[in-house]
C-alpha atoms as a PDB file:
ATOM      1  CA  MET A   1     138.803 111.189 144.684  1.00  0.00           C
ATOM      2  CA  GLY A   2     139.382 108.655 141.936  1.00  0.00           C
ATOM      3  CA  LYS A   3     137.314 107.649 138.942  1.00  0.00           C
ATOM      4  CA  VAL A   4     135.246 104.507 138.451  1.00  0.00           C
ATOM      5  CA  ILE A   5     136.382 103.062 135.122  1.00  0.00           C
ATOM      6  CA  CYS A   6     134.291 100.182 133.797  1.00  0.00           C
ATOM      7  CA  ILE A   7     135.958  98.204 131.024  1.00  0.00           C
ATOM      8  CA  GLY A   8     134.082  95.953 128.624  1.00  0.00           C
ATOM      9  CA  LEU A   9     136.035  92.707 128.284  1.00  0.00           C
ATOM     10  CA  GLY A  10     134.295  91.450 125.168  1.00  0.00           C
ATOM     11  CA  PRO A  11     132.597  88.078 124.652  1.00  0.00           C
ATOM     12  CA  GLY A  12     135.073  85.929 126.581  1.00  0.00           C
ATOM     13  CA  ASP A  13     138.295  85.463 124.641  1.00  0.00           C
ATOM     14  CA  PRO A  14     140.825  87.875 126.218  1.00  0.00           C
ATOM     15  CA  ASP A  15     142.326  88.447 122.756  1.00  0.00           C
ATOM     16  CA  LEU A  16     139.078  90.233 121.852  1.00  0.00           C
ATOM     17  CA  MET A  17     139.537  92.957 124.479  1.00  0.00           C
ATOM     18  CA  SER A  18     140.174  96.437 123.105  1.00  0.00           C
ATOM     19  CA  LEU A  19     143.625  97.961 123.430  1.00  0.00           C
ATOM     20  CA  ARG A  20     142.144 100.618 125.686  1.00  0.00           C
ATOM     21  CA  ALA A  21     140.574  98.063 128.016  1.00  0.00           C
ATOM     22  CA  HIS A  22     143.808  96.066 128.171  1.00  0.00           C
ATOM     23  CA  ARG A  23     145.892  99.157 128.890  1.00  0.00           C
ATOM     24  CA  THR A  24     143.489 100.315 131.609  1.00  0.00           C
ATOM     25  CA  LEU A  25     143.482  96.886 133.258  1.00  0.00           C
ATOM     26  CA  THR A  26     147.233  96.339 133.229  1.00  0.00           C
ATOM     27  CA  GLN A  27     147.788  99.726 134.873  1.00  0.00           C
ATOM     28  CA  ALA A  28     145.070  99.289 137.529  1.00  0.00           C
ATOM     29  CA  ARG A  29     145.701  99.679 141.244  1.00  0.00           C
ATOM     30  CA  ILE A  30     142.213  98.504 142.320  1.00  0.00           C
ATOM     31  CA  VAL A  31     140.118  96.013 140.325  1.00  0.00           C
ATOM     32  CA  ALA A  32     136.474  95.260 141.183  1.00  0.00           C
ATOM     33  CA  TYR A  33     134.275  92.575 139.626  1.00  0.00           C
ATOM     34  CA  PHE A  34     130.906  90.909 140.148  1.00  0.00           C
ATOM     35  CA  ARG A  35     130.670  87.276 141.118  1.00  0.00           C
ATOM     36  CA  LYS A  36     128.386  84.739 142.737  1.00  0.00           C
ATOM     37  CA  ALA A  37     129.449  83.850 146.276  1.00  0.00           C
ATOM     38  CA  GLY A  38     131.920  80.979 146.209  1.00  0.00           C
ATOM     39  CA  ARG A  39     132.669  81.388 142.496  1.00  0.00           C
ATOM     40  CA  PRO A  40     135.611  83.178 140.858  1.00  0.00           C
ATOM     41  CA  GLY A  41     133.327  85.118 138.520  1.00  0.00           C
ATOM     42  CA  GLN A  42     133.335  84.953 134.712  1.00  0.00           C
ATOM     43  CA  ALA A  43     134.775  88.451 134.230  1.00  0.00           C
ATOM     44  CA  ARG A  44     137.627  87.596 136.597  1.00  0.00           C
ATOM     45  CA  ARG A  45     138.324  84.371 134.685  1.00  0.00           C
ATOM     46  CA  ILE A  46     138.659  86.279 131.414  1.00  0.00           C
ATOM     47  CA  VAL A  47     141.479  88.469 132.767  1.00  0.00           C
ATOM     48  CA  GLU A  48     143.414  85.748 134.590  1.00  0.00           C
ATOM     49  CA  GLY A  49     147.102  86.660 134.436  1.00  0.00           C
ATOM     50  CA  LEU A  50     146.468  90.244 133.287  1.00  0.00           C
ATOM     51  CA  ILE A  51     145.781  91.969 136.623  1.00  0.00           C
ATOM     52  CA  PRO A  52     148.960  93.523 138.082  1.00  0.00           C
ATOM     53  CA  ALA A  53     150.313  91.547 141.022  1.00  0.00           C
ATOM     54  CA  THR A  54     150.266  94.710 143.122  1.00  0.00           C
ATOM     55  CA  ALA A  55     146.606  95.508 142.417  1.00  0.00           C
ATOM     56  CA  GLU A  56     143.991  95.221 145.159  1.00  0.00           C
ATOM     57  CA  GLU A  57     140.975  93.090 144.182  1.00  0.00           C
ATOM     58  CA  TRP A  58     137.419  93.897 145.283  1.00  0.00           C
ATOM     59  CA  PRO A  59     135.048  90.987 144.529  1.00  0.00           C
ATOM     60  CA  MET A  60     131.441  92.225 144.561  1.00  0.00           C
ATOM     61  CA  GLU A  61     129.410  89.165 145.566  1.00  0.00           C
ATOM     62  CA  TYR A  62     125.738  89.130 144.646  1.00  0.00           C
ATOM     63  CA  PRO A  63     123.479  88.465 147.655  1.00  0.00           C
ATOM     64  CA  VAL A  64     121.146  86.479 145.396  1.00  0.00           C
ATOM     65  CA  THR A  65     121.183  85.192 141.807  1.00  0.00           C
ATOM     66  CA  THR A  66     118.762  82.413 140.881  1.00  0.00           C
ATOM     67  CA  GLU A  67     117.804  81.293 144.405  1.00  0.00           C
ATOM     68  CA  ILE A  68     114.512  83.214 144.347  1.00  0.00           C
ATOM     69  CA  PRO A  69     112.348  84.343 141.380  1.00  0.00           C
ATOM     70  CA  PHE A  70     113.128  87.661 139.660  1.00  0.00           C
ATOM     71  CA  ASP A  71     109.627  88.947 140.382  1.00  0.00           C
ATOM     72  CA  ASP A  72     109.858  88.276 144.136  1.00  0.00           C
ATOM     73  CA  PRO A  73     110.010  91.645 145.987  1.00  0.00           C
ATOM     74  CA  ALA A  74     112.823  90.225 148.125  1.00  0.00           C
ATOM     75  CA  TYR A  75     114.965  89.776 144.997  1.00  0.00           C
ATOM     76  CA  ASN A  76     114.821  93.449 144.037  1.00  0.00           C
ATOM     77  CA  ALA A  77     115.186  94.597 147.648  1.00  0.00           C
ATOM     78  CA  GLN A  78     118.365  92.589 148.218  1.00  0.00           C
ATOM     79  CA  LEU A  79     119.956  93.614 144.944  1.00  0.00           C
ATOM     80  CA  ALA A  80     119.052  97.286 145.421  1.00  0.00           C
ATOM     81  CA  ALA A  81     120.809  97.296 148.789  1.00  0.00           C
ATOM     82  CA  PHE A  82     123.789  95.506 147.238  1.00  0.00           C
ATOM     83  CA  TYR A  83     124.150  98.080 144.453  1.00  0.00           C
ATOM     84  CA  ASP A  84     123.690 100.958 146.938  1.00  0.00           C
ATOM     85  CA  LEU A  85     126.482  99.564 149.107  1.00  0.00           C
ATOM     86  CA  TRP A  86     128.952  99.080 146.279  1.00  0.00           C
ATOM     87  CA  ALA A  87     128.178 102.381 144.589  1.00  0.00           C
ATOM     88  CA  ALA A  88     128.990 104.120 147.873  1.00  0.00           C
ATOM     89  CA  ARG A  89     132.239 102.186 148.274  1.00  0.00           C
ATOM     90  CA  LEU A  90     133.350 102.862 144.710  1.00  0.00           C
ATOM     91  CA  ALA A  91     132.443 106.539 144.966  1.00  0.00           C
ATOM     92  CA  GLY A  92     134.435 106.810 148.188  1.00  0.00           C
ATOM     93  CA  ALA A  93     137.647 105.344 146.777  1.00  0.00           C
ATOM     94  CA  ALA A  94     140.617 107.692 146.961  1.00  0.00           C
ATOM     95  CA  GLU A  95     142.016 106.444 143.633  1.00  0.00           C
ATOM     96  CA  ASP A  96     140.729 105.007 140.376  1.00  0.00           C
ATOM     97  CA  VAL A  97     138.843 101.701 140.550  1.00  0.00           C
ATOM     98  CA  VAL A  98     138.669  99.550 137.409  1.00  0.00           C
ATOM     99  CA  VAL A  99     135.424  97.554 137.228  1.00  0.00           C
ATOM    100  CA  LEU A 100     135.340  94.472 134.995  1.00  0.00           C
ATOM    101  CA  CYS A 101     132.327  93.729 132.805  1.00  0.00           C
ATOM    102  CA  GLU A 102     131.756  90.911 130.343  1.00  0.00           C
ATOM    103  CA  GLY A 103     130.722  91.981 126.868  1.00  0.00           C
ATOM    104  CA  ASP A 104     129.733  95.659 126.744  1.00  0.00           C
ATOM    105  CA  PRO A 105     128.934  97.447 130.042  1.00  0.00           C
ATOM    106  CA  PHE A 106     125.846  99.185 128.635  1.00  0.00           C
ATOM    107  CA  PHE A 107     124.347  96.037 127.085  1.00  0.00           C
ATOM    108  CA  TYR A 108     122.555  94.064 129.833  1.00  0.00           C
ATOM    109  CA  GLY A 109     125.584  94.607 132.072  1.00  0.00           C
ATOM    110  CA  SER A 110     125.340  94.613 135.865  1.00  0.00           C
ATOM    111  CA  PHE A 111     127.460  97.763 135.904  1.00  0.00           C
ATOM    112  CA  MET A 112     124.466  99.768 134.672  1.00  0.00           C
ATOM    113  CA  HIS A 113     122.945  99.501 138.159  1.00  0.00           C
ATOM    114  CA  LEU A 114     126.076 101.063 139.638  1.00  0.00           C
ATOM    115  CA  HIS A 115     126.262 103.667 136.875  1.00  0.00           C
ATOM    116  CA  ALA A 116     122.766 104.863 137.775  1.00  0.00           C
ATOM    117  CA  ARG A 117     123.897 105.429 141.372  1.00  0.00           C
ATOM    118  CA  LEU A 118     127.274 107.081 140.736  1.00  0.00           C
ATOM    119  CA  PRO A 119     128.054 110.755 139.959  1.00  0.00           C
ATOM    120  CA  ARG A 120     128.396 110.866 136.161  1.00  0.00           C
ATOM    121  CA  GLU A 121     131.500 113.052 136.283  1.00  0.00           C
ATOM    122  CA  ARG A 122     133.293 110.297 138.225  1.00  0.00           C
ATOM    123  CA  VAL A 123     132.493 107.491 135.757  1.00  0.00           C
ATOM    124  CA  GLU A 124     134.265 106.370 132.594  1.00  0.00           C
ATOM    125  CA  VAL A 125     133.064 103.464 130.452  1.00  0.00           C
ATOM    126  CA  VAL A 126     135.189 101.566 127.926  1.00  0.00           C
ATOM    127  CA  PRO A 127     132.922  99.738 125.453  1.00  0.00           C
ATOM    128  CA  GLY A 128     133.480  96.101 124.541  1.00  0.00           C
ATOM    129  CA  ILE A 129     132.409  93.620 121.862  1.00  0.00           C
ATOM    130  CA  PRO A 130     129.019  92.292 123.068  1.00  0.00           C
ATOM    131  CA  GLY A 131     128.698  88.577 123.706  1.00  0.00           C
ATOM    132  CA  MET A 132     126.076  88.152 120.985  1.00  0.00           C
ATOM    133  CA  SER A 133     128.605  89.254 118.334  1.00  0.00           C
ATOM    134  CA  GLY A 134     130.994  86.516 119.405  1.00  0.00           C
ATOM    135  CA  CYS A 135     128.148  83.991 119.299  1.00  0.00           C
ATOM    136  CA  TRP A 136     126.764  84.785 115.859  1.00  0.00           C
ATOM    137  CA  THR A 137     130.315  84.774 114.503  1.00  0.00           C
ATOM    138  CA  ALA A 138     130.740  81.289 115.999  1.00  0.00           C
ATOM    139  CA  THR A 139     127.865  80.033 113.809  1.00  0.00           C
ATOM    140  CA  GLY A 140     129.864  80.923 110.693  1.00  0.00           C
ATOM    141  CA  GLN A 141     126.950  82.818 109.144  1.00  0.00           C
ATOM    142  CA  PRO A 142     126.070  86.527 108.892  1.00  0.00           C
ATOM    143  CA  ILE A 143     123.335  87.486 111.328  1.00  0.00           C
ATOM    144  CA  THR A 144     121.648  90.046 109.052  1.00  0.00           C
ATOM    145  CA  TRP A 145     121.299  90.482 105.288  1.00  0.00           C
ATOM    146  CA  GLY A 146     120.111  93.494 103.316  1.00  0.00           C
ATOM    147  CA  ASP A 147     117.228  95.143 105.160  1.00  0.00           C
ATOM    148  CA  ASP A 148     116.740  92.446 107.826  1.00  0.00           C
ATOM    149  CA  VAL A 149     115.442  93.654 111.181  1.00  0.00           C
ATOM    150  CA  LEU A 150     117.409  92.305 114.167  1.00  0.00           C
ATOM    151  CA  THR A 151     115.623  91.810 117.499  1.00  0.00           C
ATOM    152  CA  VAL A 152     117.348  91.086 120.812  1.00  0.00           C
ATOM    153  CA  LEU A 153     115.189  89.383 123.442  1.00  0.00           C
ATOM    154  CA  PRO A 154     115.727  88.172 127.014  1.00  0.00           C
ATOM    155  CA  ALA A 155     114.363  84.645 127.440  1.00  0.00           C
ATOM    156  CA  THR A 156     112.901  85.762 130.774  1.00  0.00           C
ATOM    157  CA  LEU A 157     109.936  87.364 128.951  1.00  0.00           C
ATOM    158  CA  PRO A 158     106.503  85.684 129.216  1.00  0.00           C
ATOM    159  CA  GLU A 159     106.068  82.920 126.652  1.00  0.00           C
ATOM    160  CA  ASP A 160     103.289  84.647 124.712  1.00  0.00           C
ATOM    161  CA  GLU A 161     105.393  87.787 124.335  1.00  0.00           C
ATOM    162  CA  LEU A 162     108.410  85.764 123.249  1.00  0.00           C
ATOM    163  CA  THR A 163     106.282  84.061 120.599  1.00  0.00           C
ATOM    164  CA  ARG A 164     104.891  87.359 119.300  1.00  0.00           C
ATOM    165  CA  ARG A 165     108.272  89.025 119.044  1.00  0.00           C
ATOM    166  CA  VAL A 166     109.993  85.982 117.481  1.00  0.00           C
ATOM    167  CA  ALA A 167     107.307  85.873 114.787  1.00  0.00           C
ATOM    168  CA  ASP A 168     107.646  89.607 114.116  1.00  0.00           C
ATOM    169  CA  THR A 169     111.349  89.801 113.236  1.00  0.00           C
ATOM    170  CA  ASP A 170     113.837  88.608 110.632  1.00  0.00           C
ATOM    171  CA  ALA A 171     117.007  87.972 112.635  1.00  0.00           C
ATOM    172  CA  LEU A 172     116.976  87.139 116.319  1.00  0.00           C
ATOM    173  CA  VAL A 173     119.283  87.016 119.328  1.00  0.00           C
ATOM    174  CA  VAL A 174     117.953  85.604 122.606  1.00  0.00           C
ATOM    175  CA  MET A 175     119.894  86.091 125.832  1.00  0.00           C
ATOM    176  CA  LYS A 176     119.530  85.035 129.477  1.00  0.00           C
ATOM    177  CA  ILE A 177     118.440  81.506 128.600  1.00  0.00           C
ATOM    178  CA  GLY A 178     119.446  78.998 131.304  1.00  0.00           C
ATOM    179  CA  ARG A 179     116.336  77.417 132.807  1.00  0.00           C
ATOM    180  CA  ASN A 180     114.176  79.340 130.312  1.00  0.00           C
ATOM    181  CA  LEU A 181     115.182  77.039 127.434  1.00  0.00           C
ATOM    182  CA  PRO A 182     111.905  75.019 127.383  1.00  0.00           C
ATOM    183  CA  ARG A 183     109.866  78.244 127.222  1.00  0.00           C
ATOM    184  CA  LEU A 184     112.040  79.582 124.410  1.00  0.00           C
ATOM    185  CA  ARG A 185     111.797  76.312 122.486  1.00  0.00           C
ATOM    186  CA  ARG A 186     107.981  76.429 122.630  1.00  0.00           C
ATOM    187  CA  ALA A 187     107.945  80.074 121.525  1.00  0.00           C
ATOM    188  CA  LEU A 188     110.242  79.368 118.569  1.00  0.00           C
ATOM    189  CA  ALA A 189     108.139  76.367 117.550  1.00  0.00           C
ATOM    190  CA  ALA A 190     104.893  78.359 117.790  1.00  0.00           C
ATOM    191  CA  ALA A 191     106.416  81.104 115.626  1.00  0.00           C
ATOM    192  CA  GLY A 192     107.687  78.573 113.059  1.00  0.00           C
ATOM    193  CA  ARG A 193     111.378  79.403 113.690  1.00  0.00           C
ATOM    194  CA  LEU A 194     112.604  76.452 115.759  1.00  0.00           C
ATOM    195  CA  ASP A 195     114.407  74.734 112.884  1.00  0.00           C
ATOM    196  CA  ASP A 196     116.273  77.987 112.121  1.00  0.00           C
ATOM    197  CA  ALA A 197     117.611  78.485 115.649  1.00  0.00           C
ATOM    198  CA  TRP A 198     121.139  77.849 116.884  1.00  0.00           C
ATOM    199  CA  LEU A 199     122.339  77.675 120.472  1.00  0.00           C
ATOM    200  CA  VAL A 200     125.829  78.884 121.386  1.00  0.00           C
ATOM    201  CA  GLU A 201     127.313  78.101 124.787  1.00  0.00           C
ATOM    202  CA  ARG A 202     130.511  79.763 126.055  1.00  0.00           C
ATOM    203  CA  GLY A 203     130.941  81.768 122.864  1.00  0.00           C
ATOM    204  CA  THR A 204     134.651  82.501 122.034  1.00  0.00           C
ATOM    205  CA  MET A 205     135.735  80.727 125.254  1.00  0.00           C
ATOM    206  CA  PRO A 206     137.254  77.285 125.903  1.00  0.00           C
ATOM    207  CA  GLY A 207     134.515  74.687 125.630  1.00  0.00           C
ATOM    208  CA  GLU A 208     132.480  76.679 123.085  1.00  0.00           C
ATOM    209  CA  THR A 209     129.639  74.667 121.541  1.00  0.00           C
ATOM    210  CA  VAL A 210     127.407  75.560 118.586  1.00  0.00           C
ATOM    211  CA  ARG A 211     124.339  73.343 118.126  1.00  0.00           C
ATOM    212  CA  ARG A 212     120.887  73.378 116.596  1.00  0.00           C
ATOM    213  CA  LEU A 213     118.577  74.507 119.366  1.00  0.00           C
ATOM    214  CA  ALA A 214     116.020  71.839 118.471  1.00  0.00           C
ATOM    215  CA  GLU A 215     118.621  69.169 119.313  1.00  0.00           C
ATOM    216  CA  VAL A 216     119.440  70.508 122.796  1.00  0.00           C
ATOM    217  CA  GLU A 217     117.464  69.237 125.764  1.00  0.00           C
ATOM    218  CA  GLY A 218     119.328  71.218 128.407  1.00  0.00           C
ATOM    219  CA  PRO A 219     120.145  72.278 130.967  1.00  0.00           C
ATOM    220  CA  VAL A 220     122.238  75.121 129.564  1.00  0.00           C
ATOM    221  CA  PRO A 221     124.099  77.974 131.275  1.00  0.00           C
ATOM    222  CA  TYR A 222     122.249  81.243 131.916  1.00  0.00           C
ATOM    223  CA  PHE A 223     124.525  83.166 129.536  1.00  0.00           C
ATOM    224  CA  THR A 224     123.901  80.823 126.600  1.00  0.00           C
ATOM    225  CA  ILE A 225     122.735  82.743 123.523  1.00  0.00           C
ATOM    226  CA  ALA A 226     120.292  81.653 120.812  1.00  0.00           C
ATOM    227  CA  ILE A 227     120.732  82.871 117.244  1.00  0.00           C
ATOM    228  CA  VAL A 228     118.285  82.950 114.313  1.00  0.00           C
ATOM    229  CA  HIS A 229     119.866  84.332 111.149  1.00  0.00           C
ATOM    230  CA  GLY A 230     118.094  86.832 108.922  1.00  0.00           C
ATOM    231  CA  ARG A 231     116.751  85.941 105.481  1.00  0.00           C
ATOM    232  CA  GLY A 232     116.838  89.289 103.689  1.00  0.00           C
ATOM    233  CA  ARG A 233     118.379  90.324 100.349  1.00  0.00           C
ATOM    234  CA  ARG A 234     121.397  88.141  99.558  1.00  0.00           C
ATOM    235  CA  PRO A 235     123.950  88.108  96.738  1.00  0.00           C
END
């Protein structure tokens, strides 16, 4: 039986992959990756031209993404069955399968749902630069200074909780934005941080944009990241 090797691809620019991830990918015989049905998948785009021509590709197509609400029981039921199916297929492979993951596999990565279902002795994870690092670097400013506290939030949280947590931190990263941008904007405004916030789309990738969040009406992609820089001790 082979191993399941998940490689973190970093924030989007293939030049930001680790040497270990690149070596693992270019020697792969089977490559699996998540994607929405009918789409190539962002992880697959990142490695275009790097997968060996002889490798077998296994696209893992989500049964649902944003078509129904996250809190609908049908959403969790369909995804649970999807992860069960693919964990069984990966575990049954006779040779190593390399699974692609944007950013870092253990930081909001879909691979975590497979990892929880796979025998630990069969799994290897190669860490990657998380997407938020690429995005705060794109702003040209350090994210934290001195003793700043950094908080990472998903924009899918209820608005009152977003507001409370935004007000209670120094530096801030907000992920999973997409259609949640209006809610996030209101939370930032209520916490008095709207004018400090930046919005980064497609960080480190072609078409990257860095704008003041207050100036963006939307819509924005789901994987857009908001940045609020810390204000701690500075030279």
